[in-house]
Amino acid sequence: MKKLGLIFLMMMTAFAAFGGGNKQAGGGEFKVLFYFPAPHSYFNDLQTGSTAWVKDTGNKVTVEYGPEFSINTESEKVNALVAANGFNAITIYPLPGVNGLFEELTKRGINIINIGADSSTSNPKGTDTTAAFCLATDVRQAAYDAAITVIDKMGGKGTLLNILEVLTDPNTVLRQEGVKQACTERGITYRETAGIEAIDAATQKATDILTANPDAMGVVSTGMIATQGLISVLDGMNRQIFAVTIDTEEGTLNAIKKGTIYGTVAQNPYGQTYLSLEILKAMHDGAKPRPGKYFIDSGTVMVTKDNVDSYANDINAMTQKIKNNLYTEYLTK
């Protein structure tokens, strides 16, 4: 009987570690993972938020990234990290198909927040995912706004070129939709090129689409690699092009200052990570998500020559505003 009792005790201990050990709010150490699928400049920007949050709060964050943008790899890597470290909170850039993994992790008492992209495809947002929140840019709206800016600079007529990266990325598809909508509403001819994963392809495809549309005066580029290729092509052209891109790498900001491109859409990766960690800690301590508040727009700023040296102040102000309103808009104690 003593032997049977020992076996039963061991089984119950194992079950608690796997299935129920982290389900009680505030129960035990807060162990949080920040995961990104592969090395990328946007990961570096997101990491500024986790670094600041650790400095401000004194809490620990484990930062990991994978080798590739593959849902199978993301699922395997995250599962392995959770098994090895006992994380009870995760902030993650989700890839399409990740919701099955989220369901398994949520059943084990792990709180999850999407950052940078949305795993939910439902309407209303969030009803088909167990992630508690998504902190991201409203990428469709941001691309729409970028296109409208370009169309206005074009004088409201002509052809707009859209240079896209991979259409397997849900954000790329939403950006495509936003630019198309702007062109349809304004009666602008729309042309696109897509499938860009490397700088050589970006340069070649930017060259090809500009050459094939010699009268086009406007370009929207909604990816970091695509933007690098576009800038390198425009630098060597004697042609008036109004281009708006996305994100704020040094080369992009320099291109704005030189006048190579008109502007870029600054996202808020700092706030996406910082605020997601703030919310996960609050949930660990007992806070609950407010119904219908799954998607939190982290905000964007249009960067041009006029504010290229000061736009970060606007980003920081947006982050602080969301933080100030966490318990009035997104969480209940």
C-alpha atoms as a PDB file:
ATOM      1  CA  MET A   1       0.000   0.000   0.000  1.00  0.00           C
ATOM      2  CA  LYS A   2       2.848   2.392   0.779  1.00  0.00           C
ATOM      3  CA  LYS A   3       4.266   1.723  -2.689  1.00  0.00           C
ATOM      4  CA  LEU A   4       0.913   2.422  -4.348  1.00  0.00           C
ATOM      5  CA  GLY A   5       0.549   5.614  -2.351  1.00  0.00           C
ATOM      6  CA  LEU A   6       3.998   6.792  -3.443  1.00  0.00           C
ATOM      7  CA  ILE A   7       3.184   6.089  -7.101  1.00  0.00           C
ATOM      8  CA  PHE A   8      -0.104   8.005  -6.770  1.00  0.00           C
ATOM      9  CA  LEU A   9       1.696  10.959  -5.180  1.00  0.00           C
ATOM     10  CA  MET A  10       4.261  10.986  -8.008  1.00  0.00           C
ATOM     11  CA  MET A  11       1.512  10.911 -10.627  1.00  0.00           C
ATOM     12  CA  MET A  12      -0.325  13.811  -9.006  1.00  0.00           C
ATOM     13  CA  THR A  13       2.886  15.840  -8.792  1.00  0.00           C
ATOM     14  CA  ALA A  14       3.610  15.242 -12.479  1.00  0.00           C
ATOM     15  CA  PHE A  15       0.056  16.214 -13.426  1.00  0.00           C
ATOM     16  CA  ALA A  16       0.330  19.452 -11.479  1.00  0.00           C
ATOM     17  CA  ALA A  17       3.604  20.352 -13.191  1.00  0.00           C
ATOM     18  CA  PHE A  18       2.147  19.688 -16.642  1.00  0.00           C
ATOM     19  CA  GLY A  19      -1.482  20.621 -16.403  1.00  0.00           C
ATOM     20  CA  GLY A  20      -2.340  22.736 -13.399  1.00  0.00           C
ATOM     21  CA  GLY A  21       0.768  24.097 -11.799  1.00  0.00           C
ATOM     22  CA  ASN A  22       0.364  27.662 -13.128  1.00  0.00           C
ATOM     23  CA  LYS A  23      -3.400  28.060 -13.242  1.00  0.00           C
ATOM     24  CA  GLN A  24      -3.765  30.046 -10.037  1.00  0.00           C
ATOM     25  CA  ALA A  25      -3.240  33.770 -10.546  1.00  0.00           C
ATOM     26  CA  GLY A  26      -0.220  35.016  -8.690  1.00  0.00           C
ATOM     27  CA  GLY A  27       0.659  31.465  -7.709  1.00  0.00           C
ATOM     28  CA  GLY A  28       4.405  31.169  -7.727  1.00  0.00           C
ATOM     29  CA  GLU A  29       7.080  32.819  -9.824  1.00  0.00           C
ATOM     30  CA  PHE A  30       6.170  34.792 -12.931  1.00  0.00           C
ATOM     31  CA  LYS A  31       8.057  33.077 -15.758  1.00  0.00           C
ATOM     32  CA  VAL A  32       7.623  34.760 -19.132  1.00  0.00           C
ATOM     33  CA  LEU A  33       8.922  33.915 -22.596  1.00  0.00           C
ATOM     34  CA  PHE A  34       9.250  36.410 -25.454  1.00  0.00           C
ATOM     35  CA  TYR A  35       9.478  34.435 -28.705  1.00  0.00           C
ATOM     36  CA  PHE A  36      10.052  35.495 -32.318  1.00  0.00           C
ATOM     37  CA  PRO A  37      10.214  32.989 -35.216  1.00  0.00           C
ATOM     38  CA  ALA A  38      13.543  34.019 -36.823  1.00  0.00           C
ATOM     39  CA  PRO A  39      16.253  36.686 -36.859  1.00  0.00           C
ATOM     40  CA  HIS A  40      14.810  39.912 -38.292  1.00  0.00           C
ATOM     41  CA  SER A  41      15.184  43.652 -37.807  1.00  0.00           C
ATOM     42  CA  TYR A  42      11.642  43.837 -36.395  1.00  0.00           C
ATOM     43  CA  PHE A  43      12.650  41.366 -33.674  1.00  0.00           C
ATOM     44  CA  ASN A  44      15.454  43.745 -32.708  1.00  0.00           C
ATOM     45  CA  ASP A  45      12.948  46.591 -32.459  1.00  0.00           C
ATOM     46  CA  LEU A  46      10.569  44.469 -30.376  1.00  0.00           C
ATOM     47  CA  GLN A  47      13.410  43.590 -28.030  1.00  0.00           C
ATOM     48  CA  THR A  48      13.872  47.238 -27.078  1.00  0.00           C
ATOM     49  CA  GLY A  49      10.516  46.962 -25.321  1.00  0.00           C
ATOM     50  CA  SER A  50      11.439  43.855 -23.350  1.00  0.00           C
ATOM     51  CA  THR A  51      14.769  45.385 -22.333  1.00  0.00           C
ATOM     52  CA  ALA A  52      13.041  48.536 -21.072  1.00  0.00           C
ATOM     53  CA  TRP A  53      10.382  46.565 -19.203  1.00  0.00           C
ATOM     54  CA  VAL A  54      13.006  44.484 -17.389  1.00  0.00           C
ATOM     55  CA  LYS A  55      14.839  47.679 -16.409  1.00  0.00           C
ATOM     56  CA  ASP A  56      11.660  49.394 -15.203  1.00  0.00           C
ATOM     57  CA  THR A  57      10.159  46.490 -13.254  1.00  0.00           C
ATOM     58  CA  GLY A  58      13.061  44.296 -12.180  1.00  0.00           C
ATOM     59  CA  ASN A  59      11.328  41.213 -13.572  1.00  0.00           C
ATOM     60  CA  LYS A  60      13.037  38.639 -15.752  1.00  0.00           C
ATOM     61  CA  VAL A  61      12.167  37.844 -19.381  1.00  0.00           C
ATOM     62  CA  THR A  62      13.558  34.955 -21.402  1.00  0.00           C
ATOM     63  CA  VAL A  63      14.076  36.102 -25.003  1.00  0.00           C
ATOM     64  CA  GLU A  64      14.315  33.473 -27.730  1.00  0.00           C
ATOM     65  CA  TYR A  65      14.041  33.403 -31.506  1.00  0.00           C
ATOM     66  CA  GLY A  66      13.849  30.518 -33.923  1.00  0.00           C
ATOM     67  CA  PRO A  67      15.672  29.707 -37.161  1.00  0.00           C
ATOM     68  CA  GLU A  68      12.890  30.286 -39.710  1.00  0.00           C
ATOM     69  CA  PHE A  69       9.368  31.558 -40.358  1.00  0.00           C
ATOM     70  CA  SER A  70       7.754  28.118 -40.176  1.00  0.00           C
ATOM     71  CA  ILE A  71       4.730  27.225 -38.053  1.00  0.00           C
ATOM     72  CA  ASN A  72       6.042  23.708 -37.454  1.00  0.00           C
ATOM     73  CA  THR A  73       9.334  25.078 -36.202  1.00  0.00           C
ATOM     74  CA  GLU A  74       7.624  27.733 -34.081  1.00  0.00           C
ATOM     75  CA  SER A  75       5.376  25.130 -32.449  1.00  0.00           C
ATOM     76  CA  GLU A  76       8.216  22.688 -31.788  1.00  0.00           C
ATOM     77  CA  LYS A  77      10.524  25.346 -30.404  1.00  0.00           C
ATOM     78  CA  VAL A  78       7.933  26.929 -28.095  1.00  0.00           C
ATOM     79  CA  ASN A  79       6.797  23.530 -26.797  1.00  0.00           C
ATOM     80  CA  ALA A  80      10.388  22.581 -26.051  1.00  0.00           C
ATOM     81  CA  LEU A  81      11.077  25.880 -24.267  1.00  0.00           C
ATOM     82  CA  VAL A  82       7.949  25.551 -22.123  1.00  0.00           C
ATOM     83  CA  ALA A  83       8.783  21.960 -21.217  1.00  0.00           C
ATOM     84  CA  ALA A  84      12.330  22.873 -20.243  1.00  0.00           C
ATOM     85  CA  ASN A  85      11.599  26.093 -18.347  1.00  0.00           C
ATOM     86  CA  GLY A  86       8.020  25.959 -17.044  1.00  0.00           C
ATOM     87  CA  PHE A  87       6.913  29.282 -18.502  1.00  0.00           C
ATOM     88  CA  ASN A  88       3.463  30.476 -17.412  1.00  0.00           C
ATOM     89  CA  ALA A  89       3.275  33.461 -19.768  1.00  0.00           C
ATOM     90  CA  ILE A  90       4.275  33.952 -23.413  1.00  0.00           C
ATOM     91  CA  THR A  91       4.402  36.978 -25.697  1.00  0.00           C
ATOM     92  CA  ILE A  92       4.933  35.840 -29.269  1.00  0.00           C
ATOM     93  CA  TYR A  93       4.909  36.828 -32.939  1.00  0.00           C
ATOM     94  CA  PRO A  94       2.383  34.284 -34.258  1.00  0.00           C
ATOM     95  CA  LEU A  95       2.565  32.477 -37.582  1.00  0.00           C
ATOM     96  CA  PRO A  96      -0.512  31.206 -39.462  1.00  0.00           C
ATOM     97  CA  GLY A  97      -1.745  27.947 -37.926  1.00  0.00           C
ATOM     98  CA  VAL A  98      -0.478  28.669 -34.408  1.00  0.00           C
ATOM     99  CA  ASN A  99      -3.883  28.574 -32.686  1.00  0.00           C
ATOM    100  CA  GLY A 100      -3.708  24.808 -32.131  1.00  0.00           C
ATOM    101  CA  LEU A 101      -0.522  25.317 -30.115  1.00  0.00           C
ATOM    102  CA  PHE A 102      -2.171  28.154 -28.197  1.00  0.00           C
ATOM    103  CA  GLU A 103      -5.110  25.921 -27.223  1.00  0.00           C
ATOM    104  CA  GLU A 104      -2.739  23.322 -25.772  1.00  0.00           C
ATOM    105  CA  LEU A 105      -0.732  25.922 -23.856  1.00  0.00           C
ATOM    106  CA  THR A 106      -3.824  27.673 -22.503  1.00  0.00           C
ATOM    107  CA  LYS A 107      -5.147  24.366 -21.130  1.00  0.00           C
ATOM    108  CA  ARG A 108      -1.906  24.195 -19.149  1.00  0.00           C
ATOM    109  CA  GLY A 109      -2.591  27.568 -17.529  1.00  0.00           C
ATOM    110  CA  ILE A 110      -0.250  29.622 -19.738  1.00  0.00           C
ATOM    111  CA  ASN A 111      -1.331  33.164 -20.637  1.00  0.00           C
ATOM    112  CA  ILE A 112      -0.501  34.220 -24.206  1.00  0.00           C
ATOM    113  CA  ILE A 113      -0.370  37.565 -26.004  1.00  0.00           C
ATOM    114  CA  ASN A 114       0.248  38.058 -29.729  1.00  0.00           C
ATOM    115  CA  ILE A 115       2.606  40.869 -30.679  1.00  0.00           C
ATOM    116  CA  GLY A 116       3.300  42.292 -34.109  1.00  0.00           C
ATOM    117  CA  ALA A 117       0.756  40.076 -35.876  1.00  0.00           C
ATOM    118  CA  ASP A 118      -2.659  38.578 -35.195  1.00  0.00           C
ATOM    119  CA  SER A 119      -3.451  34.863 -34.928  1.00  0.00           C
ATOM    120  CA  SER A 120      -7.192  35.567 -35.003  1.00  0.00           C
ATOM    121  CA  THR A 121      -9.087  35.535 -38.297  1.00  0.00           C
ATOM    122  CA  SER A 122     -12.545  35.752 -36.743  1.00  0.00           C
ATOM    123  CA  ASN A 123     -15.029  38.573 -36.630  1.00  0.00           C
ATOM    124  CA  PRO A 124     -15.221  39.818 -33.946  1.00  0.00           C
ATOM    125  CA  LYS A 125     -11.496  39.447 -33.495  1.00  0.00           C
ATOM    126  CA  GLY A 126     -10.229  37.037 -30.884  1.00  0.00           C
ATOM    127  CA  THR A 127     -13.075  34.531 -30.822  1.00  0.00           C
ATOM    128  CA  ASP A 128     -11.060  31.823 -32.600  1.00  0.00           C
ATOM    129  CA  THR A 129      -7.861  32.075 -30.552  1.00  0.00           C
ATOM    130  CA  THR A 130      -7.039  31.496 -26.894  1.00  0.00           C
ATOM    131  CA  ALA A 131      -4.513  34.344 -26.904  1.00  0.00           C
ATOM    132  CA  ALA A 132      -5.743  36.917 -24.401  1.00  0.00           C
ATOM    133  CA  PHE A 133      -4.750  39.957 -26.468  1.00  0.00           C
ATOM    134  CA  CYS A 134      -3.066  41.047 -29.649  1.00  0.00           C
ATOM    135  CA  LEU A 135      -0.832  44.118 -29.501  1.00  0.00           C
ATOM    136  CA  ALA A 136      -0.058  45.121 -33.068  1.00  0.00           C
ATOM    137  CA  THR A 137      -0.372  47.679 -35.794  1.00  0.00           C
ATOM    138  CA  ASP A 138      -3.671  47.831 -37.626  1.00  0.00           C
ATOM    139  CA  VAL A 139      -1.650  46.913 -40.705  1.00  0.00           C
ATOM    140  CA  ARG A 140      -4.502  47.110 -43.185  1.00  0.00           C
ATOM    141  CA  GLN A 141      -5.337  50.644 -42.090  1.00  0.00           C
ATOM    142  CA  ALA A 142      -1.661  51.646 -42.024  1.00  0.00           C
ATOM    143  CA  ALA A 143      -1.156  50.441 -45.606  1.00  0.00           C
ATOM    144  CA  TYR A 144      -4.359  52.198 -46.667  1.00  0.00           C
ATOM    145  CA  ASP A 145      -3.124  55.437 -45.083  1.00  0.00           C
ATOM    146  CA  ALA A 146       0.267  55.056 -46.790  1.00  0.00           C
ATOM    147  CA  ALA A 147      -1.424  54.592 -50.157  1.00  0.00           C
ATOM    148  CA  ILE A 148      -3.709  57.602 -49.639  1.00  0.00           C
ATOM    149  CA  THR A 149      -0.643  59.713 -48.799  1.00  0.00           C
ATOM    150  CA  VAL A 150       1.047  58.616 -52.024  1.00  0.00           C
ATOM    151  CA  ILE A 151      -2.102  59.141 -54.127  1.00  0.00           C
ATOM    152  CA  ASP A 152      -2.445  62.678 -52.779  1.00  0.00           C
ATOM    153  CA  LYS A 153       1.189  63.409 -53.668  1.00  0.00           C
ATOM    154  CA  MET A 154       0.483  62.017 -57.176  1.00  0.00           C
ATOM    155  CA  GLY A 155      -2.282  64.568 -57.628  1.00  0.00           C
ATOM    156  CA  GLY A 156      -5.021  61.967 -57.330  1.00  0.00           C
ATOM    157  CA  LYS A 157      -4.411  60.266 -60.671  1.00  0.00           C
ATOM    158  CA  GLY A 158      -2.179  57.765 -62.417  1.00  0.00           C
ATOM    159  CA  THR A 159      -0.701  54.403 -61.423  1.00  0.00           C
ATOM    160  CA  LEU A 160       0.380  53.267 -57.979  1.00  0.00           C
ATOM    161  CA  LEU A 161       2.875  50.411 -57.597  1.00  0.00           C
ATOM    162  CA  ASN A 162       2.716  48.102 -54.574  1.00  0.00           C
ATOM    163  CA  ILE A 163       5.884  46.172 -53.689  1.00  0.00           C
ATOM    164  CA  LEU A 164       5.087  43.308 -51.314  1.00  0.00           C
ATOM    165  CA  GLU A 165       7.081  40.599 -49.595  1.00  0.00           C
ATOM    166  CA  VAL A 166       5.639  37.106 -49.032  1.00  0.00           C
ATOM    167  CA  LEU A 167       1.881  36.621 -49.252  1.00  0.00           C
ATOM    168  CA  THR A 168       2.070  33.714 -46.784  1.00  0.00           C
ATOM    169  CA  ASP A 169       2.541  36.351 -44.072  1.00  0.00           C
ATOM    170  CA  PRO A 170      -0.931  37.429 -42.864  1.00  0.00           C
ATOM    171  CA  ASN A 171       0.288  40.991 -42.393  1.00  0.00           C
ATOM    172  CA  THR A 172       1.402  41.182 -46.030  1.00  0.00           C
ATOM    173  CA  VAL A 173      -2.051  40.107 -47.213  1.00  0.00           C
ATOM    174  CA  LEU A 174      -3.742  42.742 -45.054  1.00  0.00           C
ATOM    175  CA  ARG A 175      -1.393  45.421 -46.380  1.00  0.00           C
ATOM    176  CA  GLN A 176      -2.155  44.332 -49.936  1.00  0.00           C
ATOM    177  CA  GLU A 177      -5.872  44.706 -49.204  1.00  0.00           C
ATOM    178  CA  GLY A 178      -5.390  48.169 -47.721  1.00  0.00           C
ATOM    179  CA  VAL A 179      -3.463  49.515 -50.720  1.00  0.00           C
ATOM    180  CA  LYS A 180      -5.947  47.999 -53.174  1.00  0.00           C
ATOM    181  CA  GLN A 181      -8.852  49.582 -51.302  1.00  0.00           C
ATOM    182  CA  ALA A 182      -7.244  53.030 -51.454  1.00  0.00           C
ATOM    183  CA  CYS A 183      -6.656  52.694 -55.199  1.00  0.00           C
ATOM    184  CA  THR A 184     -10.211  51.515 -55.834  1.00  0.00           C
ATOM    185  CA  GLU A 185     -11.725  54.359 -53.829  1.00  0.00           C
ATOM    186  CA  ARG A 186      -9.612  57.000 -55.556  1.00  0.00           C
ATOM    187  CA  GLY A 187      -9.842  55.535 -59.083  1.00  0.00           C
ATOM    188  CA  ILE A 188      -6.106  54.832 -59.288  1.00  0.00           C
ATOM    189  CA  THR A 189      -4.576  52.094 -61.450  1.00  0.00           C
ATOM    190  CA  TYR A 190      -3.055  49.423 -59.209  1.00  0.00           C
ATOM    191  CA  ARG A 191       0.001  47.290 -60.062  1.00  0.00           C
ATOM    192  CA  GLU A 192       1.906  44.983 -57.721  1.00  0.00           C
ATOM    193  CA  THR A 193       4.875  42.679 -57.413  1.00  0.00           C
ATOM    194  CA  ALA A 194       5.292  40.175 -54.573  1.00  0.00           C
ATOM    195  CA  GLY A 195       7.209  37.142 -53.319  1.00  0.00           C
ATOM    196  CA  ILE A 196      10.250  39.013 -52.001  1.00  0.00           C
ATOM    197  CA  GLU A 197      12.371  37.234 -49.398  1.00  0.00           C
ATOM    198  CA  ALA A 198      15.908  38.443 -50.165  1.00  0.00           C
ATOM    199  CA  ILE A 199      17.528  41.768 -51.062  1.00  0.00           C
ATOM    200  CA  ASP A 200      18.563  40.622 -54.565  1.00  0.00           C
ATOM    201  CA  ALA A 201      14.958  39.756 -55.401  1.00  0.00           C
ATOM    202  CA  ALA A 202      13.789  43.033 -53.894  1.00  0.00           C
ATOM    203  CA  THR A 203      16.137  45.053 -56.080  1.00  0.00           C
ATOM    204  CA  GLN A 204      15.264  43.111 -59.223  1.00  0.00           C
ATOM    205  CA  LYS A 205      11.507  43.232 -58.672  1.00  0.00           C
ATOM    206  CA  ALA A 206      11.578  46.946 -57.869  1.00  0.00           C
ATOM    207  CA  THR A 207      13.551  47.547 -61.069  1.00  0.00           C
ATOM    208  CA  ASP A 208      11.196  45.410 -63.130  1.00  0.00           C
ATOM    209  CA  ILE A 209       7.945  46.973 -61.950  1.00  0.00           C
ATOM    210  CA  LEU A 210       9.272  50.522 -62.284  1.00  0.00           C
ATOM    211  CA  THR A 211      10.550  49.776 -65.785  1.00  0.00           C
ATOM    212  CA  ALA A 212       7.259  48.160 -66.807  1.00  0.00           C
ATOM    213  CA  ASN A 213       5.294  51.210 -65.611  1.00  0.00           C
ATOM    214  CA  PRO A 214       7.273  54.241 -66.802  1.00  0.00           C
ATOM    215  CA  ASP A 215       4.420  56.668 -66.091  1.00  0.00           C
ATOM    216  CA  ALA A 216       3.864  55.538 -62.487  1.00  0.00           C
ATOM    217  CA  MET A 217       4.639  58.256 -59.954  1.00  0.00           C
ATOM    218  CA  GLY A 218       3.726  56.462 -56.728  1.00  0.00           C
ATOM    219  CA  VAL A 219       5.045  53.428 -54.854  1.00  0.00           C
ATOM    220  CA  VAL A 220       4.066  51.776 -51.595  1.00  0.00           C
ATOM    221  CA  SER A 221       6.480  49.234 -50.120  1.00  0.00           C
ATOM    222  CA  THR A 222       5.296  47.355 -47.025  1.00  0.00           C
ATOM    223  CA  GLY A 223       8.260  45.227 -45.992  1.00  0.00           C
ATOM    224  CA  MET A 224      11.764  45.881 -44.706  1.00  0.00           C
ATOM    225  CA  ILE A 225      13.573  43.854 -47.391  1.00  0.00           C
ATOM    226  CA  ALA A 226      11.337  45.184 -50.164  1.00  0.00           C
ATOM    227  CA  THR A 227      12.027  48.714 -48.963  1.00  0.00           C
ATOM    228  CA  GLN A 228      15.798  48.216 -49.013  1.00  0.00           C
ATOM    229  CA  GLY A 229      15.608  47.056 -52.615  1.00  0.00           C
ATOM    230  CA  LEU A 230      13.336  49.936 -53.611  1.00  0.00           C
ATOM    231  CA  ILE A 231      15.593  52.558 -52.040  1.00  0.00           C
ATOM    232  CA  SER A 232      18.669  51.189 -53.800  1.00  0.00           C
ATOM    233  CA  VAL A 233      16.857  51.404 -57.146  1.00  0.00           C
ATOM    234  CA  LEU A 234      15.413  54.880 -56.586  1.00  0.00           C
ATOM    235  CA  ASP A 235      18.822  56.202 -55.520  1.00  0.00           C
ATOM    236  CA  GLY A 236      20.076  55.617 -59.052  1.00  0.00           C
ATOM    237  CA  MET A 237      17.047  56.925 -60.955  1.00  0.00           C
ATOM    238  CA  ASN A 238      16.393  60.324 -62.471  1.00  0.00           C
ATOM    239  CA  ARG A 239      12.627  60.091 -62.102  1.00  0.00           C
ATOM    240  CA  GLN A 240      10.027  61.662 -59.853  1.00  0.00           C
ATOM    241  CA  ILE A 241       8.599  58.980 -57.579  1.00  0.00           C
ATOM    242  CA  PHE A 242       6.581  59.518 -54.409  1.00  0.00           C
ATOM    243  CA  ALA A 243       7.310  56.466 -52.239  1.00  0.00           C
ATOM    244  CA  VAL A 244       6.017  55.584 -48.781  1.00  0.00           C
ATOM    245  CA  THR A 245       7.444  52.541 -47.001  1.00  0.00           C
ATOM    246  CA  ILE A 246       7.093  50.899 -43.602  1.00  0.00           C
ATOM    247  CA  ASP A 247       9.323  50.805 -40.514  1.00  0.00           C
ATOM    248  CA  THR A 248      12.240  52.975 -39.521  1.00  0.00           C
ATOM    249  CA  GLU A 249      15.569  51.307 -40.247  1.00  0.00           C
ATOM    250  CA  GLU A 250      18.455  53.756 -40.468  1.00  0.00           C
ATOM    251  CA  GLY A 251      18.656  53.423 -44.257  1.00  0.00           C
ATOM    252  CA  THR A 252      14.978  54.286 -44.582  1.00  0.00           C
ATOM    253  CA  LEU A 253      15.285  57.373 -42.401  1.00  0.00           C
ATOM    254  CA  ASN A 254      18.349  58.478 -44.339  1.00  0.00           C
ATOM    255  CA  ALA A 255      16.415  58.036 -47.604  1.00  0.00           C
ATOM    256  CA  ILE A 256      13.694  60.351 -46.254  1.00  0.00           C
ATOM    257  CA  LYS A 257      16.276  62.976 -45.310  1.00  0.00           C
ATOM    258  CA  LYS A 258      17.829  62.745 -48.792  1.00  0.00           C
ATOM    259  CA  GLY A 259      14.451  62.949 -50.483  1.00  0.00           C
ATOM    260  CA  THR A 260      14.784  59.518 -52.124  1.00  0.00           C
ATOM    261  CA  ILE A 261      11.447  58.512 -50.597  1.00  0.00           C
ATOM    262  CA  TYR A 262       8.687  60.747 -49.274  1.00  0.00           C
ATOM    263  CA  GLY A 263       8.026  58.964 -45.985  1.00  0.00           C
ATOM    264  CA  THR A 264       7.584  55.808 -43.980  1.00  0.00           C
ATOM    265  CA  VAL A 265       5.038  54.410 -41.540  1.00  0.00           C
ATOM    266  CA  ALA A 266       6.593  54.032 -38.086  1.00  0.00           C
ATOM    267  CA  GLN A 267       5.106  51.168 -36.096  1.00  0.00           C
ATOM    268  CA  ASN A 268       5.412  50.745 -32.333  1.00  0.00           C
ATOM    269  CA  PRO A 269       7.345  47.528 -31.691  1.00  0.00           C
ATOM    270  CA  TYR A 270       8.711  48.984 -28.451  1.00  0.00           C
ATOM    271  CA  GLY A 271       5.199  49.417 -27.099  1.00  0.00           C
ATOM    272  CA  GLN A 272       3.995  46.075 -28.417  1.00  0.00           C
ATOM    273  CA  THR A 273       6.490  44.157 -26.301  1.00  0.00           C
ATOM    274  CA  TYR A 274       6.587  46.470 -23.301  1.00  0.00           C
ATOM    275  CA  LEU A 275       2.808  46.574 -22.951  1.00  0.00           C
ATOM    276  CA  SER A 276       2.357  42.845 -23.574  1.00  0.00           C
ATOM    277  CA  LEU A 277       4.737  42.076 -20.711  1.00  0.00           C
ATOM    278  CA  GLU A 278       2.979  44.599 -18.488  1.00  0.00           C
ATOM    279  CA  ILE A 279      -0.373  42.945 -19.214  1.00  0.00           C
ATOM    280  CA  LEU A 280       0.936  39.395 -18.738  1.00  0.00           C
ATOM    281  CA  LYS A 281       2.334  40.321 -15.331  1.00  0.00           C
ATOM    282  CA  ALA A 282      -0.984  41.924 -14.365  1.00  0.00           C
ATOM    283  CA  MET A 283      -2.839  38.774 -15.432  1.00  0.00           C
ATOM    284  CA  HIS A 284      -0.441  36.624 -13.423  1.00  0.00           C
ATOM    285  CA  ASP A 285      -1.304  38.800 -10.423  1.00  0.00           C
ATOM    286  CA  GLY A 286      -5.034  38.308 -10.943  1.00  0.00           C
ATOM    287  CA  ALA A 287      -6.214  40.805 -13.572  1.00  0.00           C
ATOM    288  CA  LYS A 288      -8.689  39.593 -16.215  1.00  0.00           C
ATOM    289  CA  PRO A 289      -9.158  40.691 -19.851  1.00  0.00           C
ATOM    290  CA  ARG A 290     -12.220  42.815 -20.514  1.00  0.00           C
ATOM    291  CA  PRO A 291     -14.606  41.135 -22.987  1.00  0.00           C
ATOM    292  CA  GLY A 292     -14.297  42.365 -26.565  1.00  0.00           C
ATOM    293  CA  LYS A 293     -10.939  44.057 -25.997  1.00  0.00           C
ATOM    294  CA  TYR A 294      -8.716  41.467 -27.662  1.00  0.00           C
ATOM    295  CA  PHE A 295      -7.052  43.725 -30.269  1.00  0.00           C
ATOM    296  CA  ILE A 296      -5.013  46.666 -28.989  1.00  0.00           C
ATOM    297  CA  ASP A 297      -3.843  48.978 -31.768  1.00  0.00           C
ATOM    298  CA  SER A 298      -0.313  49.964 -30.786  1.00  0.00           C
ATOM    299  CA  GLY A 299      -0.414  52.941 -33.161  1.00  0.00           C
ATOM    300  CA  THR A 300       1.540  54.325 -36.111  1.00  0.00           C
ATOM    301  CA  VAL A 301       3.122  57.624 -37.104  1.00  0.00           C
ATOM    302  CA  MET A 302       3.725  58.869 -40.658  1.00  0.00           C
ATOM    303  CA  VAL A 303       7.380  59.936 -40.793  1.00  0.00           C
ATOM    304  CA  THR A 304       8.454  62.575 -43.306  1.00  0.00           C
ATOM    305  CA  LYS A 305      11.206  65.191 -43.450  1.00  0.00           C
ATOM    306  CA  ASP A 306       9.118  67.323 -41.100  1.00  0.00           C
ATOM    307  CA  ASN A 307       9.282  64.910 -38.154  1.00  0.00           C
ATOM    308  CA  VAL A 308      12.044  62.443 -38.996  1.00  0.00           C
ATOM    309  CA  ASP A 309      14.047  63.532 -35.954  1.00  0.00           C
ATOM    310  CA  SER A 310      11.146  63.715 -33.504  1.00  0.00           C
ATOM    311  CA  TYR A 311       8.622  60.983 -34.394  1.00  0.00           C
ATOM    312  CA  ALA A 312       9.853  58.769 -31.530  1.00  0.00           C
ATOM    313  CA  ASN A 313       8.229  61.213 -29.108  1.00  0.00           C
ATOM    314  CA  ASP A 314       4.843  60.466 -30.669  1.00  0.00           C
ATOM    315  CA  ILE A 315       5.472  56.704 -30.425  1.00  0.00           C
ATOM    316  CA  ASN A 316       6.384  56.998 -26.748  1.00  0.00           C
ATOM    317  CA  ALA A 317       3.286  59.091 -26.061  1.00  0.00           C
ATOM    318  CA  MET A 318       1.041  56.437 -27.648  1.00  0.00           C
ATOM    319  CA  THR A 319       2.655  53.719 -25.536  1.00  0.00           C
ATOM    320  CA  GLN A 320       2.200  55.699 -22.344  1.00  0.00           C
ATOM    321  CA  LYS A 321      -1.451  56.441 -23.152  1.00  0.00           C
ATOM    322  CA  ILE A 322      -2.234  52.730 -23.577  1.00  0.00           C
ATOM    323  CA  LYS A 323      -0.363  51.913 -20.365  1.00  0.00           C
ATOM    324  CA  ASN A 324      -2.313  54.557 -18.448  1.00  0.00           C
ATOM    325  CA  ASN A 325      -5.594  53.082 -19.686  1.00  0.00           C
ATOM    326  CA  LEU A 326      -4.870  49.384 -19.115  1.00  0.00           C
ATOM    327  CA  TYR A 327      -7.329  49.027 -16.211  1.00  0.00           C
ATOM    328  CA  THR A 328      -9.982  51.336 -17.628  1.00  0.00           C
ATOM    329  CA  GLU A 329     -10.095  49.843 -21.133  1.00  0.00           C
ATOM    330  CA  TYR A 330      -8.456  46.412 -21.291  1.00  0.00           C
ATOM    331  CA  LEU A 331      -8.196  44.761 -17.858  1.00  0.00           C
ATOM    332  CA  THR A 332     -10.278  44.311 -14.709  1.00  0.00           C
ATOM    333  CA  LYS A 333      -8.731  43.779 -11.306  1.00  0.00           C
END
